[in-house]
Amino acid sequence: MGYCISCGQQHQQGIRFCRFCGNQQPGEQLLARLLQEAAQIHALRLQAQAQAQALAQQQQQYAQNQYNQQPRW
């Protein structure tokens, strides 16, 4: 099942025009390309999140090291 890109109504996969609003639906090639691009974006987002977490851990470790190196009176 798919959804109309215009009105959002659910319809069968592979139709050319929405039976509710009449707007043309994207072809299978376009849908495949969009799904591939979405997967690439998702992978990049996961990679960026992992890098941000690693950076936050490095910053936290640096701050902890700086605190431990301060003289105690």
Protein backbone atom coordinates (compact mmCIF):
# COMPACT_ATOMS: atom_id res chain seq x y z
CA MET A 1 0.00 0.00 0.00
CA GLY A 2 1.07 3.53 -0.67
CA TYR A 3 -0.13 7.03 0.05
CA CYS A 4 -0.99 9.88 -2.30
CA ILE A 5 1.77 12.49 -2.41
CA SER A 6 -0.87 15.21 -2.61
CA CYS A 7 -3.83 14.32 -0.38
CA GLY A 8 -2.31 11.54 1.76
CA GLN A 9 -5.06 9.01 1.13
CA GLN A 10 -4.00 5.38 1.11
CA HIS A 11 -4.04 3.61 -2.25
CA GLN A 12 -2.67 0.52 -3.89
CA GLN A 13 0.96 0.44 -4.93
CA GLY A 14 1.75 1.25 -8.54
CA ILE A 15 -1.22 3.43 -9.46
CA ARG A 16 -0.59 6.41 -11.72
CA PHE A 17 -3.35 8.73 -10.44
CA CYS A 18 -4.95 9.08 -7.02
CA ARG A 19 -8.59 7.98 -7.04
CA PHE A 20 -9.44 10.56 -4.39
CA CYS A 21 -7.84 13.78 -5.67
CA GLY A 22 -6.79 12.78 -9.19
CA ASN A 23 -3.18 13.94 -8.88
CA GLN A 24 -0.48 12.00 -10.69
CA GLN A 25 1.67 9.77 -8.52
CA PRO A 26 5.42 9.25 -8.93
CA GLY A 27 6.63 6.33 -11.03
CA GLU A 28 8.42 3.28 -9.67
CA GLN A 29 11.84 4.55 -10.79
CA LEU A 30 11.39 7.82 -8.94
CA LEU A 31 10.16 6.02 -5.82
CA ALA A 32 13.16 3.68 -5.92
CA ARG A 33 15.55 6.62 -6.27
CA LEU A 34 13.87 8.50 -3.43
CA LEU A 35 14.05 5.44 -1.17
CA GLN A 36 17.75 5.08 -1.98
CA GLU A 37 18.40 8.75 -1.22
CA ALA A 38 16.45 8.47 2.03
CA ALA A 39 18.57 5.48 3.07
CA GLN A 40 21.76 7.43 2.31
CA ILE A 41 20.53 10.41 4.33
CA HIS A 42 19.62 8.13 7.22
CA ALA A 43 23.10 6.55 7.15
CA LEU A 44 24.75 9.99 7.12
CA ARG A 45 22.57 11.10 10.02
CA LEU A 46 23.55 8.05 12.07
CA GLN A 47 27.21 8.71 11.27
CA ALA A 48 26.90 12.36 12.34
CA GLN A 49 25.21 11.34 15.59
CA ALA A 50 28.00 8.88 16.34
CA GLN A 51 30.61 11.56 15.65
CA ALA A 52 28.79 14.03 17.90
CA GLN A 53 28.67 11.47 20.71
CA ALA A 54 32.38 10.73 20.32
CA LEU A 55 33.17 14.45 20.41
CA ALA A 56 31.05 14.94 23.54
CA GLN A 57 32.88 12.07 25.23
CA GLN A 58 36.24 13.58 24.28
CA GLN A 59 35.20 16.95 25.66
CA GLN A 60 33.97 15.37 28.87
CA GLN A 61 37.23 13.44 29.24
CA TYR A 62 39.25 16.62 28.61
CA ALA A 63 37.26 18.51 31.23
CA GLN A 64 37.74 15.68 33.73
CA ASN A 65 41.49 15.64 33.06
CA GLN A 66 41.68 19.40 33.56
CA TYR A 67 39.80 19.11 36.84
CA ASN A 68 42.07 16.29 38.05
CA GLN A 69 45.19 18.34 37.26
CA GLN A 70 44.12 21.32 39.39
CA PRO A 71 46.05 21.67 42.66
CA ARG A 72 44.10 20.80 45.79
CA TRP A 73 44.63 23.10 48.80
